[in-house]
Amino acid sequence: MDTDTRLIKKLNTALITTRRTMALGSGNKITDYEKSNGWSAAVHKQLRDNKDALYQCYPLTVQEDPLKNLPSLIRNLIKEYHVVLKRERVGNCGELARFISLYLWQHAGQEIHNIEVVTAGDFDHTWVILNRKESSDLSKPEEWGNAWIVDPWWGDDGLFYPSNKFHEKIIALLAYIQEQNDGFYQKGNIRLQTLENFKATYARYLKAFDAGSLQVPLTCKNSIHPKDFPYPIDEKKLRALEDYYDYSPYKYGAYDCRTRAMSEKAEHQQNFTPCLNEIKGIKMAVRR
């Protein structure tokens, strides 16, 4: 089996793993929104509103913290991957890109030598570029060599494609984003100005593509070289990584969250009891 065939098989597995893990899907994809009755958007909004809480995964004991000696950026990415996203099971393009980048880092093997999480700022999308040629210009896909783009957000299953198709895929991606925007606008979830702004961006990109002058301004957010810096956690020697941390999705500390949860549970039980008695009374009346 040649290198490209092994890599394609690995990317298929990565997309399947990401899709199965992120069971709620994305908050900004209309099919996921409808499938989850809006829950994907609600949970993702909580994560976005509590950005600091993404990394509030407190070690249960300092001595047992398996990430304590890692650089803070790597530590936070691994905690988000193993603890936050695997628990919340929801993510838009940014979270999905970081998730699959960590999965590919963990399973890099000999096929993957460079992993980059890249953002296009003018239409707010994030995906992963693999094996881009060293010293190549990020704004010129024709210089990337035998690179691959991985987009776990696009479509029902996510997709990947070689870098020589980058520009034509960008146009197709913008059309797909436009479909999502139209769907959410019909539900009243986005403003008309947001819809019109994106349509103008789409039209500008389409005109540049037709003229053969398309350039996509890209920014690399994270870059990992697995051969120089192998995945630092040997999970065969550990329990599940999430067992080492007390994670809270709230803006509060772990103790405050436990107290808050107990209070909410007590309030729910207090309100539930009279409702249940009322339902039982209605059933008895119907039987008579």
C-alpha atoms as a PDB file:
ATOM      1  CA  MET A   1       0.000   0.000   0.000  1.00  0.00           C
ATOM      2  CA  ASP A   2       1.578   3.323  -1.088  1.00  0.00           C
ATOM      3  CA  THR A   3       1.770   6.439   1.079  1.00  0.00           C
ATOM      4  CA  ASP A   4      -1.179   8.272  -0.527  1.00  0.00           C
ATOM      5  CA  THR A   5      -3.430   5.224  -0.172  1.00  0.00           C
ATOM      6  CA  ARG A   6      -2.529   4.866   3.522  1.00  0.00           C
ATOM      7  CA  LEU A   7      -3.103   8.571   4.061  1.00  0.00           C
ATOM      8  CA  ILE A   8      -6.527   8.500   2.368  1.00  0.00           C
ATOM      9  CA  LYS A   9      -7.539   5.553   4.523  1.00  0.00           C
ATOM     10  CA  LYS A  10      -6.353   7.441   7.617  1.00  0.00           C
ATOM     11  CA  LEU A  11      -8.300  10.564   6.652  1.00  0.00           C
ATOM     12  CA  ASN A  12     -11.484   8.565   6.117  1.00  0.00           C
ATOM     13  CA  THR A  13     -11.080   7.062   9.583  1.00  0.00           C
ATOM     14  CA  ALA A  14     -10.432  10.515  11.062  1.00  0.00           C
ATOM     15  CA  LEU A  15     -13.621  11.931   9.548  1.00  0.00           C
ATOM     16  CA  ILE A  16     -15.680   8.963  10.745  1.00  0.00           C
ATOM     17  CA  THR A  17     -14.259   9.319  14.272  1.00  0.00           C
ATOM     18  CA  THR A  18     -14.962  13.054  14.312  1.00  0.00           C
ATOM     19  CA  ARG A  19     -18.514  12.591  13.077  1.00  0.00           C
ATOM     20  CA  ARG A  20     -19.292   9.867  15.610  1.00  0.00           C
ATOM     21  CA  THR A  21     -17.744  11.809  18.479  1.00  0.00           C
ATOM     22  CA  MET A  22     -19.512  15.068  17.623  1.00  0.00           C
ATOM     23  CA  ALA A  23     -22.920  13.439  17.769  1.00  0.00           C
ATOM     24  CA  LEU A  24     -24.817  16.732  18.154  1.00  0.00           C
ATOM     25  CA  GLY A  25     -23.120  18.126  15.060  1.00  0.00           C
ATOM     26  CA  SER A  26     -22.636  21.843  14.458  1.00  0.00           C
ATOM     27  CA  GLY A  27     -24.648  24.789  15.671  1.00  0.00           C
ATOM     28  CA  ASN A  28     -24.362  26.558  12.303  1.00  0.00           C
ATOM     29  CA  LYS A  29     -25.448  23.721   9.989  1.00  0.00           C
ATOM     30  CA  ILE A  30     -29.169  23.623   9.325  1.00  0.00           C
ATOM     31  CA  THR A  31     -29.412  19.808   9.159  1.00  0.00           C
ATOM     32  CA  ASP A  32     -27.686  19.405  12.543  1.00  0.00           C
ATOM     33  CA  TYR A  33     -29.817  22.183  14.012  1.00  0.00           C
ATOM     34  CA  GLU A  34     -33.042  20.481  12.920  1.00  0.00           C
ATOM     35  CA  LYS A  35     -31.842  16.988  13.813  1.00  0.00           C
ATOM     36  CA  SER A  36     -31.049  18.101  17.378  1.00  0.00           C
ATOM     37  CA  ASN A  37     -34.102  20.391  17.697  1.00  0.00           C
ATOM     38  CA  GLY A  38     -31.798  23.370  18.084  1.00  0.00           C
ATOM     39  CA  TRP A  39     -29.690  21.774  20.823  1.00  0.00           C
ATOM     40  CA  SER A  40     -26.489  21.854  18.751  1.00  0.00           C
ATOM     41  CA  ALA A  41     -26.733  25.653  18.502  1.00  0.00           C
ATOM     42  CA  ALA A  42     -27.603  26.060  22.180  1.00  0.00           C
ATOM     43  CA  VAL A  43     -24.676  23.960  23.422  1.00  0.00           C
ATOM     44  CA  HIS A  44     -22.234  25.580  21.022  1.00  0.00           C
ATOM     45  CA  LYS A  45     -23.380  29.053  22.091  1.00  0.00           C
ATOM     46  CA  GLN A  46     -22.631  28.090  25.682  1.00  0.00           C
ATOM     47  CA  LEU A  47     -19.098  27.047  24.689  1.00  0.00           C
ATOM     48  CA  ARG A  48     -18.530  30.246  22.711  1.00  0.00           C
ATOM     49  CA  ASP A  49     -19.964  32.449  25.480  1.00  0.00           C
ATOM     50  CA  ASN A  50     -17.718  30.718  28.005  1.00  0.00           C
ATOM     51  CA  LYS A  51     -14.446  30.655  26.067  1.00  0.00           C
ATOM     52  CA  ASP A  52     -12.417  30.728  29.256  1.00  0.00           C
ATOM     53  CA  ALA A  53     -14.330  27.719  30.545  1.00  0.00           C
ATOM     54  CA  LEU A  54     -13.131  25.646  27.576  1.00  0.00           C
ATOM     55  CA  TYR A  55      -9.870  25.234  29.422  1.00  0.00           C
ATOM     56  CA  GLN A  56     -11.163  25.159  32.987  1.00  0.00           C
ATOM     57  CA  CYS A  57     -10.398  21.481  33.321  1.00  0.00           C
ATOM     58  CA  TYR A  58      -9.007  21.370  36.817  1.00  0.00           C
ATOM     59  CA  PRO A  59      -6.728  18.412  37.623  1.00  0.00           C
ATOM     60  CA  LEU A  60      -8.189  16.332  40.407  1.00  0.00           C
ATOM     61  CA  THR A  61      -4.708  16.105  41.914  1.00  0.00           C
ATOM     62  CA  VAL A  62      -1.620  18.039  40.843  1.00  0.00           C
ATOM     63  CA  GLN A  63       0.546  14.949  41.227  1.00  0.00           C
ATOM     64  CA  GLU A  64      -1.571  12.977  38.738  1.00  0.00           C
ATOM     65  CA  ASP A  65      -1.954  15.713  36.113  1.00  0.00           C
ATOM     66  CA  PRO A  66      -0.489  14.019  32.984  1.00  0.00           C
ATOM     67  CA  LEU A  67      -0.271  17.334  31.083  1.00  0.00           C
ATOM     68  CA  LYS A  68       1.425  19.468  33.735  1.00  0.00           C
ATOM     69  CA  ASN A  69       4.837  19.579  32.007  1.00  0.00           C
ATOM     70  CA  LEU A  70       3.567  20.479  28.517  1.00  0.00           C
ATOM     71  CA  PRO A  71       3.533  23.984  26.978  1.00  0.00           C
ATOM     72  CA  SER A  72       0.274  25.786  27.753  1.00  0.00           C
ATOM     73  CA  LEU A  73      -0.956  25.867  24.117  1.00  0.00           C
ATOM     74  CA  ILE A  74      -0.460  22.111  23.671  1.00  0.00           C
ATOM     75  CA  ARG A  75      -1.942  21.420  27.104  1.00  0.00           C
ATOM     76  CA  ASN A  76      -5.074  23.417  26.305  1.00  0.00           C
ATOM     77  CA  LEU A  77      -5.519  21.815  22.884  1.00  0.00           C
ATOM     78  CA  ILE A  78      -5.268  18.312  24.348  1.00  0.00           C
ATOM     79  CA  LYS A  79      -7.690  19.148  27.157  1.00  0.00           C
ATOM     80  CA  GLU A  80     -10.158  20.585  24.667  1.00  0.00           C
ATOM     81  CA  TYR A  81      -9.810  17.472  22.480  1.00  0.00           C
ATOM     82  CA  HIS A  82     -10.071  14.829  25.191  1.00  0.00           C
ATOM     83  CA  VAL A  83     -12.165  16.467  27.883  1.00  0.00           C
ATOM     84  CA  VAL A  84     -14.323  19.283  26.517  1.00  0.00           C
ATOM     85  CA  LEU A  85     -15.338  18.254  22.995  1.00  0.00           C
ATOM     86  CA  LYS A  86     -15.680  14.547  23.766  1.00  0.00           C
ATOM     87  CA  ARG A  87     -18.090  15.526  26.530  1.00  0.00           C
ATOM     88  CA  GLU A  88     -20.074  18.301  24.818  1.00  0.00           C
ATOM     89  CA  ARG A  89     -20.119  16.470  21.433  1.00  0.00           C
ATOM     90  CA  VAL A  90     -20.711  19.641  19.438  1.00  0.00           C
ATOM     91  CA  GLY A  91     -18.525  21.949  17.384  1.00  0.00           C
ATOM     92  CA  ASN A  92     -18.548  24.369  14.478  1.00  0.00           C
ATOM     93  CA  CYS A  93     -15.737  24.511  11.943  1.00  0.00           C
ATOM     94  CA  GLY A  94     -13.106  25.754  14.429  1.00  0.00           C
ATOM     95  CA  GLU A  95     -13.742  23.111  17.074  1.00  0.00           C
ATOM     96  CA  LEU A  96     -14.024  20.349  14.460  1.00  0.00           C
ATOM     97  CA  ALA A  97     -10.776  21.424  12.802  1.00  0.00           C
ATOM     98  CA  ARG A  98      -8.908  21.412  16.128  1.00  0.00           C
ATOM     99  CA  PHE A  99     -10.442  18.063  17.059  1.00  0.00           C
ATOM    100  CA  ILE A 100      -9.446  16.325  13.838  1.00  0.00           C
ATOM    101  CA  SER A 101      -5.997  17.942  13.903  1.00  0.00           C
ATOM    102  CA  LEU A 102      -5.354  16.415  17.331  1.00  0.00           C
ATOM    103  CA  TYR A 103      -6.662  13.046  16.139  1.00  0.00           C
ATOM    104  CA  LEU A 104      -4.336  13.151  13.131  1.00  0.00           C
ATOM    105  CA  TRP A 105      -1.425  14.184  15.355  1.00  0.00           C
ATOM    106  CA  GLN A 106      -2.181  11.245  17.626  1.00  0.00           C
ATOM    107  CA  HIS A 107      -2.238   8.875  14.628  1.00  0.00           C
ATOM    108  CA  ALA A 108       0.270  10.609  12.351  1.00  0.00           C
ATOM    109  CA  GLY A 109       2.430   7.594  11.520  1.00  0.00           C
ATOM    110  CA  GLN A 110       4.766   8.032   8.557  1.00  0.00           C
ATOM    111  CA  GLU A 111       2.174   9.635   6.276  1.00  0.00           C
ATOM    112  CA  ILE A 112       1.704  12.975   8.070  1.00  0.00           C
ATOM    113  CA  HIS A 113       4.639  15.303   8.663  1.00  0.00           C
ATOM    114  CA  ASN A 114       2.871  18.665   9.059  1.00  0.00           C
ATOM    115  CA  ILE A 115      -0.567  19.596  10.433  1.00  0.00           C
ATOM    116  CA  GLU A 116      -1.883  23.175  10.217  1.00  0.00           C
ATOM    117  CA  VAL A 117      -5.165  24.599  11.469  1.00  0.00           C
ATOM    118  CA  VAL A 118      -5.914  27.429   9.036  1.00  0.00           C
ATOM    119  CA  THR A 119      -8.575  30.160   9.011  1.00  0.00           C
ATOM    120  CA  ALA A 120      -9.962  32.293   6.201  1.00  0.00           C
ATOM    121  CA  GLY A 121     -10.878  35.467   8.038  1.00  0.00           C
ATOM    122  CA  ASP A 122     -13.033  37.182   5.443  1.00  0.00           C
ATOM    123  CA  PHE A 123     -15.622  34.409   5.448  1.00  0.00           C
ATOM    124  CA  ASP A 124     -14.882  32.969   8.893  1.00  0.00           C
ATOM    125  CA  HIS A 125     -14.080  29.344   8.153  1.00  0.00           C
ATOM    126  CA  THR A 126     -11.465  27.009   9.593  1.00  0.00           C
ATOM    127  CA  TRP A 127     -10.051  23.737   8.290  1.00  0.00           C
ATOM    128  CA  VAL A 128      -6.844  21.674   8.298  1.00  0.00           C
ATOM    129  CA  ILE A 129      -3.984  21.542   5.789  1.00  0.00           C
ATOM    130  CA  LEU A 130      -1.720  18.481   5.841  1.00  0.00           C
ATOM    131  CA  ASN A 131       1.812  18.116   4.516  1.00  0.00           C
ATOM    132  CA  ARG A 132       2.141  21.565   2.990  1.00  0.00           C
ATOM    133  CA  LYS A 133       5.585  22.002   1.457  1.00  0.00           C
ATOM    134  CA  GLU A 134       7.999  23.683   3.822  1.00  0.00           C
ATOM    135  CA  SER A 135       8.630  27.378   3.078  1.00  0.00           C
ATOM    136  CA  SER A 136       5.767  27.500   0.549  1.00  0.00           C
ATOM    137  CA  ASP A 137       3.539  30.584   0.507  1.00  0.00           C
ATOM    138  CA  LEU A 138       0.319  29.952   2.451  1.00  0.00           C
ATOM    139  CA  SER A 139      -1.594  32.200   0.036  1.00  0.00           C
ATOM    140  CA  LYS A 140      -0.490  30.176  -3.032  1.00  0.00           C
ATOM    141  CA  PRO A 141      -1.933  26.634  -3.093  1.00  0.00           C
ATOM    142  CA  GLU A 142      -0.041  25.907  -6.308  1.00  0.00           C
ATOM    143  CA  GLU A 143       3.163  25.937  -4.216  1.00  0.00           C
ATOM    144  CA  TRP A 144       1.932  23.564  -1.488  1.00  0.00           C
ATOM    145  CA  GLY A 145       3.133  20.386  -3.196  1.00  0.00           C
ATOM    146  CA  ASN A 146       1.441  17.110  -2.275  1.00  0.00           C
ATOM    147  CA  ALA A 147      -0.736  18.687   0.412  1.00  0.00           C
ATOM    148  CA  TRP A 148      -4.261  17.762   1.476  1.00  0.00           C
ATOM    149  CA  ILE A 149      -7.099  19.887   2.864  1.00  0.00           C
ATOM    150  CA  VAL A 150      -9.352  18.302   5.484  1.00  0.00           C
ATOM    151  CA  ASP A 151     -12.693  19.957   6.276  1.00  0.00           C
ATOM    152  CA  PRO A 152     -14.723  17.992   8.856  1.00  0.00           C
ATOM    153  CA  TRP A 153     -17.486  20.648   8.916  1.00  0.00           C
ATOM    154  CA  TRP A 154     -18.469  20.609   5.227  1.00  0.00           C
ATOM    155  CA  GLY A 155     -21.447  18.438   4.294  1.00  0.00           C
ATOM    156  CA  ASP A 156     -22.936  15.544   6.213  1.00  0.00           C
ATOM    157  CA  ASP A 157     -19.695  13.594   6.522  1.00  0.00           C
ATOM    158  CA  GLY A 158     -16.895  16.123   6.075  1.00  0.00           C
ATOM    159  CA  LEU A 159     -14.446  15.772   3.206  1.00  0.00           C
ATOM    160  CA  PHE A 160     -10.823  16.025   2.131  1.00  0.00           C
ATOM    161  CA  TYR A 161      -9.217  16.877  -1.185  1.00  0.00           C
ATOM    162  CA  PRO A 162      -5.767  17.540  -2.696  1.00  0.00           C
ATOM    163  CA  SER A 163      -4.408  21.079  -2.745  1.00  0.00           C
ATOM    164  CA  ASN A 164      -4.599  21.354  -6.537  1.00  0.00           C
ATOM    165  CA  LYS A 165      -8.402  21.563  -6.160  1.00  0.00           C
ATOM    166  CA  PHE A 166      -8.303  24.218  -3.453  1.00  0.00           C
ATOM    167  CA  HIS A 167      -9.746  27.152  -5.401  1.00  0.00           C
ATOM    168  CA  GLU A 168     -12.608  25.259  -7.014  1.00  0.00           C
ATOM    169  CA  LYS A 169     -13.481  23.702  -3.655  1.00  0.00           C
ATOM    170  CA  ILE A 170     -13.505  27.149  -2.025  1.00  0.00           C
ATOM    171  CA  ILE A 171     -16.244  28.240  -4.428  1.00  0.00           C
ATOM    172  CA  ALA A 172     -18.260  25.097  -3.662  1.00  0.00           C
ATOM    173  CA  LEU A 173     -17.706  25.662   0.080  1.00  0.00           C
ATOM    174  CA  LEU A 174     -19.025  29.233  -0.153  1.00  0.00           C
ATOM    175  CA  ALA A 175     -22.136  27.953  -1.935  1.00  0.00           C
ATOM    176  CA  TYR A 176     -22.650  25.441   0.891  1.00  0.00           C
ATOM    177  CA  ILE A 177     -22.231  28.139   3.560  1.00  0.00           C
ATOM    178  CA  GLN A 178     -24.758  30.265   1.661  1.00  0.00           C
ATOM    179  CA  GLU A 179     -27.261  27.387   1.870  1.00  0.00           C
ATOM    180  CA  GLN A 180     -26.788  27.238   5.653  1.00  0.00           C
ATOM    181  CA  ASN A 181     -27.239  31.003   5.960  1.00  0.00           C
ATOM    182  CA  ASP A 182     -30.436  30.897   3.889  1.00  0.00           C
ATOM    183  CA  GLY A 183     -31.833  28.133   6.084  1.00  0.00           C
ATOM    184  CA  PHE A 184     -31.092  29.967   9.316  1.00  0.00           C
ATOM    185  CA  TYR A 185     -32.426  33.247   7.923  1.00  0.00           C
ATOM    186  CA  GLN A 186     -35.750  31.555   7.159  1.00  0.00           C
ATOM    187  CA  LYS A 187     -35.878  30.462  10.791  1.00  0.00           C
ATOM    188  CA  GLY A 188     -35.084  33.991  11.949  1.00  0.00           C
ATOM    189  CA  ASN A 189     -31.732  32.959  13.440  1.00  0.00           C
ATOM    190  CA  ILE A 190     -29.497  35.371  11.520  1.00  0.00           C
ATOM    191  CA  ARG A 191     -29.980  38.982  10.500  1.00  0.00           C
ATOM    192  CA  LEU A 192     -30.586  40.171   6.948  1.00  0.00           C
ATOM    193  CA  GLN A 193     -27.412  42.274   7.048  1.00  0.00           C
ATOM    194  CA  THR A 194     -25.328  39.182   7.859  1.00  0.00           C
ATOM    195  CA  LEU A 195     -26.941  37.340   4.958  1.00  0.00           C
ATOM    196  CA  GLU A 196     -26.319  40.204   2.533  1.00  0.00           C
ATOM    197  CA  ASN A 197     -22.698  40.646   3.656  1.00  0.00           C
ATOM    198  CA  PHE A 198     -21.921  37.007   2.962  1.00  0.00           C
ATOM    199  CA  LYS A 199     -23.661  37.130  -0.418  1.00  0.00           C
ATOM    200  CA  ALA A 200     -21.406  40.041  -1.365  1.00  0.00           C
ATOM    201  CA  THR A 201     -18.318  38.058  -0.286  1.00  0.00           C
ATOM    202  CA  TYR A 202     -19.499  35.029  -2.263  1.00  0.00           C
ATOM    203  CA  ALA A 203     -20.083  37.155  -5.388  1.00  0.00           C
ATOM    204  CA  ARG A 204     -16.624  38.724  -5.061  1.00  0.00           C
ATOM    205  CA  TYR A 205     -14.943  35.309  -4.782  1.00  0.00           C
ATOM    206  CA  LEU A 206     -16.932  33.918  -7.698  1.00  0.00           C
ATOM    207  CA  LYS A 207     -15.944  36.861  -9.906  1.00  0.00           C
ATOM    208  CA  ALA A 208     -12.256  36.448  -8.988  1.00  0.00           C
ATOM    209  CA  PHE A 209     -12.416  32.686  -9.639  1.00  0.00           C
ATOM    210  CA  ASP A 210     -13.955  33.199 -13.087  1.00  0.00           C
ATOM    211  CA  ALA A 211     -11.223  35.731 -13.867  1.00  0.00           C
ATOM    212  CA  GLY A 212      -8.498  33.322 -12.702  1.00  0.00           C
ATOM    213  CA  SER A 213      -7.308  35.741 -10.025  1.00  0.00           C
ATOM    214  CA  LEU A 214      -8.748  34.175  -6.849  1.00  0.00           C
ATOM    215  CA  GLN A 215      -6.647  34.581  -3.717  1.00  0.00           C
ATOM    216  CA  VAL A 216      -7.818  33.456  -0.284  1.00  0.00           C
ATOM    217  CA  PRO A 217      -6.259  35.289   2.685  1.00  0.00           C
ATOM    218  CA  LEU A 218      -5.306  32.529   5.116  1.00  0.00           C
ATOM    219  CA  THR A 219      -3.958  32.593   8.662  1.00  0.00           C
ATOM    220  CA  CYS A 220      -2.298  29.602  10.316  1.00  0.00           C
ATOM    221  CA  LYS A 221      -3.597  29.269  13.894  1.00  0.00           C
ATOM    222  CA  ASN A 222      -1.748  26.116  14.972  1.00  0.00           C
ATOM    223  CA  SER A 223       1.081  24.158  13.365  1.00  0.00           C
ATOM    224  CA  ILE A 224       2.306  20.743  14.488  1.00  0.00           C
ATOM    225  CA  HIS A 225       5.191  18.662  13.117  1.00  0.00           C
ATOM    226  CA  PRO A 226       4.535  15.133  14.428  1.00  0.00           C
ATOM    227  CA  LYS A 227       8.004  13.819  13.569  1.00  0.00           C
ATOM    228  CA  ASP A 228       9.706  16.626  15.502  1.00  0.00           C
ATOM    229  CA  PHE A 229       7.129  16.678  18.295  1.00  0.00           C
ATOM    230  CA  PRO A 230       5.297  13.331  18.628  1.00  0.00           C
ATOM    231  CA  TYR A 231       1.955  13.209  20.402  1.00  0.00           C
ATOM    232  CA  PRO A 232       3.019  13.541  24.064  1.00  0.00           C
ATOM    233  CA  ILE A 233       0.460  11.326  25.793  1.00  0.00           C
ATOM    234  CA  ASP A 234       0.734   7.541  25.830  1.00  0.00           C
ATOM    235  CA  GLU A 235      -2.867   6.613  26.550  1.00  0.00           C
ATOM    236  CA  LYS A 236      -1.999   2.946  26.898  1.00  0.00           C
ATOM    237  CA  LYS A 237      -0.317   3.829  30.187  1.00  0.00           C
ATOM    238  CA  LEU A 238      -3.160   6.046  31.436  1.00  0.00           C
ATOM    239  CA  ARG A 239      -6.796   5.897  32.294  1.00  0.00           C
ATOM    240  CA  ALA A 240      -9.095   7.876  29.998  1.00  0.00           C
ATOM    241  CA  LEU A 241      -7.622  11.370  30.052  1.00  0.00           C
ATOM    242  CA  GLU A 242     -10.936  12.934  31.067  1.00  0.00           C
ATOM    243  CA  ASP A 243     -10.758  10.961  34.343  1.00  0.00           C
ATOM    244  CA  TYR A 244      -7.906  13.191  35.510  1.00  0.00           C
ATOM    245  CA  TYR A 245      -9.870  16.455  35.351  1.00  0.00           C
ATOM    246  CA  ASP A 246     -12.917  18.084  36.867  1.00  0.00           C
ATOM    247  CA  TYR A 247     -14.388  19.883  33.877  1.00  0.00           C
ATOM    248  CA  SER A 248     -17.083  22.531  34.147  1.00  0.00           C
ATOM    249  CA  PRO A 249     -18.779  24.231  31.190  1.00  0.00           C
ATOM    250  CA  TYR A 250     -19.737  27.186  33.389  1.00  0.00           C
ATOM    251  CA  LYS A 251     -17.707  30.318  34.054  1.00  0.00           C
ATOM    252  CA  TYR A 252     -17.411  29.276  37.679  1.00  0.00           C
ATOM    253  CA  GLY A 253     -14.926  27.093  39.486  1.00  0.00           C
ATOM    254  CA  ALA A 254     -15.468  23.370  39.900  1.00  0.00           C
ATOM    255  CA  TYR A 255     -16.809  23.698  43.469  1.00  0.00           C
ATOM    256  CA  ASP A 256     -19.223  26.467  42.462  1.00  0.00           C
ATOM    257  CA  CYS A 257     -20.510  24.332  39.578  1.00  0.00           C
ATOM    258  CA  ARG A 258     -21.177  21.343  41.822  1.00  0.00           C
ATOM    259  CA  THR A 259     -23.018  23.597  44.262  1.00  0.00           C
ATOM    260  CA  ARG A 260     -24.980  25.161  41.408  1.00  0.00           C
ATOM    261  CA  ALA A 261     -25.901  21.748  39.986  1.00  0.00           C
ATOM    262  CA  MET A 262     -27.116  20.493  43.380  1.00  0.00           C
ATOM    263  CA  SER A 263     -29.203  23.644  43.829  1.00  0.00           C
ATOM    264  CA  GLU A 264     -30.747  23.279  40.363  1.00  0.00           C
ATOM    265  CA  LYS A 265     -31.517  19.602  41.022  1.00  0.00           C
ATOM    266  CA  ALA A 266     -33.243  20.439  44.323  1.00  0.00           C
ATOM    267  CA  GLU A 267     -35.270  23.195  42.625  1.00  0.00           C
ATOM    268  CA  HIS A 268     -36.277  20.809  39.842  1.00  0.00           C
ATOM    269  CA  GLN A 269     -37.417  18.137  42.324  1.00  0.00           C
ATOM    270  CA  GLN A 270     -39.372  20.735  44.283  1.00  0.00           C
ATOM    271  CA  ASN A 271     -41.183  21.900  41.153  1.00  0.00           C
ATOM    272  CA  PHE A 272     -41.650  18.382  39.791  1.00  0.00           C
ATOM    273  CA  THR A 273     -43.501  16.951  42.783  1.00  0.00           C
ATOM    274  CA  PRO A 274     -46.645  19.153  42.575  1.00  0.00           C
ATOM    275  CA  CYS A 275     -46.731  18.686  38.793  1.00  0.00           C
ATOM    276  CA  LEU A 276     -46.657  14.906  39.211  1.00  0.00           C
ATOM    277  CA  ASN A 277     -49.425  15.044  41.834  1.00  0.00           C
ATOM    278  CA  GLU A 278     -51.514  17.187  39.509  1.00  0.00           C
ATOM    279  CA  ILE A 279     -51.056  14.688  36.667  1.00  0.00           C
ATOM    280  CA  LYS A 280     -52.035  11.806  38.963  1.00  0.00           C
ATOM    281  CA  GLY A 281     -55.144  13.740  40.045  1.00  0.00           C
ATOM    282  CA  ILE A 282     -56.177  14.276  36.416  1.00  0.00           C
ATOM    283  CA  LYS A 283     -55.742  10.572  35.665  1.00  0.00           C
ATOM    284  CA  MET A 284     -57.856   9.596  38.685  1.00  0.00           C
ATOM    285  CA  ALA A 285     -60.586  12.043  37.590  1.00  0.00           C
ATOM    286  CA  VAL A 286     -60.621  10.587  34.072  1.00  0.00           C
ATOM    287  CA  ARG A 287     -60.917   7.033  35.421  1.00  0.00           C
ATOM    288  CA  ARG A 288     -63.954   7.990  37.490  1.00  0.00           C
END
